C-alpha atoms as a PDB file:
ATOM      1  CA  UNK A   1     200.749-164.656 163.212  1.00  0.00           C
ATOM      2  CA  UNK A   2     203.199-166.544 165.371  1.00  0.00           C
ATOM      3  CA  UNK A   3     202.992-170.281 166.019  1.00  0.00           C
ATOM      4  CA  UNK A   4     202.005-169.505 169.614  1.00  0.00           C
ATOM      5  CA  UNK A   5     199.138-167.256 168.494  1.00  0.00           C
ATOM      6  CA  UNK A   6     197.893-169.919 166.100  1.00  0.00           C
ATOM      7  CA  UNK A   7     198.149-172.566 168.827  1.00  0.00           C
ATOM      8  CA  UNK A   8     195.898-170.465 171.087  1.00  0.00           C
ATOM      9  CA  UNK A   9     193.192-170.550 168.418  1.00  0.00           C
ATOM     10  CA  UNK A  10     192.520-174.203 169.273  1.00  0.00           C
ATOM     11  CA  UNK A  11     190.204-172.988 172.013  1.00  0.00           C
ATOM     12  CA  UNK A  12     188.120-170.487 170.043  1.00  0.00           C
ATOM     13  CA  UNK A  13     184.377-171.251 170.348  1.00  0.00           C
ATOM     14  CA  UNK A  14     182.575-172.223 167.143  1.00  0.00           C
ATOM     15  CA  UNK A  15     180.371-169.061 166.972  1.00  0.00           C
ATOM     16  CA  UNK A  16     183.522-166.940 166.942  1.00  0.00           C
ATOM     17  CA  UNK A  17     185.356-169.100 164.381  1.00  0.00           C
ATOM     18  CA  UNK A  18     182.282-169.345 162.104  1.00  0.00           C
ATOM     19  CA  UNK A  19     180.071-166.358 163.000  1.00  0.00           C
ATOM     20  CA  UNK A  20     176.514-166.207 161.655  1.00  0.00           C
ATOM     21  CA  UNK A  21     177.534-163.208 159.544  1.00  0.00           C
ATOM     22  CA  UNK A  22     180.869-163.072 157.744  1.00  0.00           C
ATOM     23  CA  UNK A  23     183.285-160.409 158.844  1.00  0.00           C
ATOM     24  CA  UNK A  24     183.104-157.824 156.030  1.00  0.00           C
ATOM     25  CA  UNK A  25     186.853-157.239 156.356  1.00  0.00           C
ATOM     26  CA  UNK A  26     187.589-160.878 155.451  1.00  0.00           C
ATOM     27  CA  UNK A  27     188.029-162.013 151.876  1.00  0.00           C
ATOM     28  CA  UNK A  28     185.175-163.749 150.081  1.00  0.00           C
ATOM     29  CA  UNK A  29     186.585-167.231 150.808  1.00  0.00           C
ATOM     30  CA  UNK A  30     186.753-166.764 154.589  1.00  0.00           C
ATOM     31  CA  UNK A  31     184.446-166.023 157.507  1.00  0.00           C
ATOM     32  CA  UNK A  32     186.944-164.135 159.639  1.00  0.00           C
ATOM     33  CA  UNK A  33     190.077-162.086 159.167  1.00  0.00           C
ATOM     34  CA  UNK A  34     191.979-164.596 161.322  1.00  0.00           C
ATOM     35  CA  UNK A  35     191.141-167.440 158.902  1.00  0.00           C
ATOM     36  CA  UNK A  36     192.372-165.314 156.019  1.00  0.00           C
ATOM     37  CA  UNK A  37     195.542-164.411 157.948  1.00  0.00           C
ATOM     38  CA  UNK A  38     196.296-168.092 158.548  1.00  0.00           C
ATOM     39  CA  UNK A  39     195.782-168.816 154.854  1.00  0.00           C
ATOM     40  CA  UNK A  40     198.120-165.969 153.871  1.00  0.00           C
ATOM     41  CA  UNK A  41     200.716-167.214 156.374  1.00  0.00           C
ATOM     42  CA  UNK A  42     200.567-170.681 154.771  1.00  0.00           C
ATOM     43  CA  UNK A  43     201.076-169.125 151.338  1.00  0.00           C
ATOM     44  CA  UNK A  44     203.957-166.910 152.501  1.00  0.00           C
ATOM     45  CA  UNK A  45     205.684-169.782 154.267  1.00  0.00           C
ATOM     46  CA  UNK A  46     205.666-171.712 151.009  1.00  0.00           C
ATOM     47  CA  UNK A  47     204.688-174.816 152.960  1.00  0.00           C
ATOM     48  CA  UNK A  48     204.639-177.805 150.683  1.00  0.00           C
ATOM     49  CA  UNK A  49     201.733-180.197 150.945  1.00  0.00           C
ATOM     50  CA  UNK A  50     202.066-183.728 149.673  1.00  0.00           C
ATOM     51  CA  UNK A  51     199.702-184.419 146.827  1.00  0.00           C
ATOM     52  CA  UNK A  52     197.344-187.238 147.689  1.00  0.00           C
ATOM     53  CA  UNK A  53     197.233-190.285 145.492  1.00  0.00           C
ATOM     54  CA  UNK A  54     194.068-191.354 143.752  1.00  0.00           C
ATOM     55  CA  UNK A  55     192.310-194.656 144.259  1.00  0.00           C
ATOM     56  CA  UNK A  56     191.680-196.935 141.303  1.00  0.00           C
ATOM     57  CA  UNK A  57     188.434-198.563 142.428  1.00  0.00           C
ATOM     58  CA  UNK A  58     188.603-201.177 139.642  1.00  0.00           C
ATOM     59  CA  UNK A  59     192.034-202.404 140.753  1.00  0.00           C
ATOM     60  CA  UNK A  60     190.861-202.364 144.360  1.00  0.00           C
ATOM     61  CA  UNK A  61     187.812-204.428 143.381  1.00  0.00           C
ATOM     62  CA  UNK A  62     190.074-207.001 141.729  1.00  0.00           C
ATOM     63  CA  UNK A  63     192.300-207.188 144.813  1.00  0.00           C
ATOM     64  CA  UNK A  64     189.434-207.398 147.307  1.00  0.00           C
ATOM     65  CA  UNK A  65     187.290-209.615 145.120  1.00  0.00           C
ATOM     66  CA  UNK A  66     184.148-207.514 145.578  1.00  0.00           C
ATOM     67  CA  UNK A  67     182.833-204.147 144.494  1.00  0.00           C
ATOM     68  CA  UNK A  68     183.656-201.801 147.359  1.00  0.00           C
ATOM     69  CA  UNK A  69     182.110-198.724 145.747  1.00  0.00           C
ATOM     70  CA  UNK A  70     179.088-199.138 148.055  1.00  0.00           C
ATOM     71  CA  UNK A  71     181.264-198.277 151.044  1.00  0.00           C
ATOM     72  CA  UNK A  72     182.080-194.877 149.589  1.00  0.00           C
ATOM     73  CA  UNK A  73     178.521-193.794 148.767  1.00  0.00           C
ATOM     74  CA  UNK A  74     177.722-192.288 152.165  1.00  0.00           C
ATOM     75  CA  UNK A  75     179.108-188.997 150.874  1.00  0.00           C
ATOM     76  CA  UNK A  76     177.755-187.976 147.470  1.00  0.00           C
ATOM     77  CA  UNK A  77     180.521-187.827 144.875  1.00  0.00           C
ATOM     78  CA  UNK A  78     183.224-189.377 147.080  1.00  0.00           C
ATOM     79  CA  UNK A  79     184.027-192.344 144.786  1.00  0.00           C
ATOM     80  CA  UNK A  80     184.428-190.028 141.831  1.00  0.00           C
ATOM     81  CA  UNK A  81     186.530-187.564 143.829  1.00  0.00           C
ATOM     82  CA  UNK A  82     188.875-190.293 145.059  1.00  0.00           C
ATOM     83  CA  UNK A  83     189.331-191.675 141.559  1.00  0.00           C
ATOM     84  CA  UNK A  84     189.868-188.457 139.576  1.00  0.00           C
ATOM     85  CA  UNK A  85     193.501-187.993 138.605  1.00  0.00           C
ATOM     86  CA  UNK A  86     194.954-184.509 138.577  1.00  0.00           C
ATOM     87  CA  UNK A  87     192.323-182.918 140.806  1.00  0.00           C
ATOM     88  CA  UNK A  88     194.630-181.971 143.671  1.00  0.00           C
ATOM     89  CA  UNK A  89     194.353-178.262 144.390  1.00  0.00           C
ATOM     90  CA  UNK A  90     196.856-176.879 146.884  1.00  0.00           C
ATOM     91  CA  UNK A  91     194.746-173.724 147.378  1.00  0.00           C
ATOM     92  CA  UNK A  92     191.857-175.865 148.641  1.00  0.00           C
ATOM     93  CA  UNK A  93     194.169-177.677 151.053  1.00  0.00           C
ATOM     94  CA  UNK A  94     195.395-174.355 152.441  1.00  0.00           C
ATOM     95  CA  UNK A  95     191.836-172.992 152.708  1.00  0.00           C
ATOM     96  CA  UNK A  96     190.797-176.142 154.558  1.00  0.00           C
ATOM     97  CA  UNK A  97     193.668-175.907 157.060  1.00  0.00           C
ATOM     98  CA  UNK A  98     193.116-172.181 157.556  1.00  0.00           C
ATOM     99  CA  UNK A  99     189.418-172.568 158.338  1.00  0.00           C
ATOM    100  CA  UNK A 100     188.919-176.028 159.860  1.00  0.00           C
ATOM    101  CA  UNK A 101     187.302-176.176 163.302  1.00  0.00           C
ATOM    102  CA  UNK A 102     187.156-179.455 165.222  1.00  0.00           C
ATOM    103  CA  UNK A 103     184.390-179.833 167.790  1.00  0.00           C
ATOM    104  CA  UNK A 104     185.730-180.354 171.329  1.00  0.00           C
ATOM    105  CA  UNK A 105     184.001-183.754 171.526  1.00  0.00           C
ATOM    106  CA  UNK A 106     185.422-184.685 168.092  1.00  0.00           C
ATOM    107  CA  UNK A 107     181.939-185.405 166.702  1.00  0.00           C
ATOM    108  CA  UNK A 108     182.439-183.249 163.622  1.00  0.00           C
ATOM    109  CA  UNK A 109     184.693-180.866 161.770  1.00  0.00           C
ATOM    110  CA  UNK A 110     183.555-177.661 160.110  1.00  0.00           C
ATOM    111  CA  UNK A 111     185.515-175.881 157.385  1.00  0.00           C
ATOM    112  CA  UNK A 112     185.148-173.518 154.439  1.00  0.00           C
ATOM    113  CA  UNK A 113     186.152-173.849 150.802  1.00  0.00           C
ATOM    114  CA  UNK A 114     185.647-171.065 148.284  1.00  0.00           C
ATOM    115  CA  UNK A 115     183.410-169.207 150.717  1.00  0.00           C
ATOM    116  CA  UNK A 116     181.026-172.092 151.426  1.00  0.00           C
ATOM    117  CA  UNK A 117     181.127-173.831 154.778  1.00  0.00           C
ATOM    118  CA  UNK A 118     180.800-177.582 155.254  1.00  0.00           C
ATOM    119  CA  UNK A 119     180.320-179.900 158.223  1.00  0.00           C
ATOM    120  CA  UNK A 120     181.524-183.484 158.221  1.00  0.00           C
ATOM    121  CA  UNK A 121     180.183-185.782 160.922  1.00  0.00           C
ATOM    122  CA  UNK A 122     181.394-189.171 159.746  1.00  0.00           C
END
């Protein structure tokens, strides 16, 4: 796909980007062939993604002077995910970017990882 073709996908309605039934031609991790094509293009381009740093919540608590873990509990497992060293997985980052759909009103994003779709509203 060309950059122009990918840019046009910004306006695809949600039911087309994440249809109720997966396209049988798409791989198991994706809902549509287009999502899979974008993923393959990211792999072929050998785009490098910067590995995210982890947060040491104990050091942060010492700096802030209070336990901030409570602010990360709105999403189950988030504190643990942020603090786990060595958990960066470039394949997941590429799958996210290949499948993410942002609602036009910016109230949520919807994406797929390993064939399961997720919606984040906050």
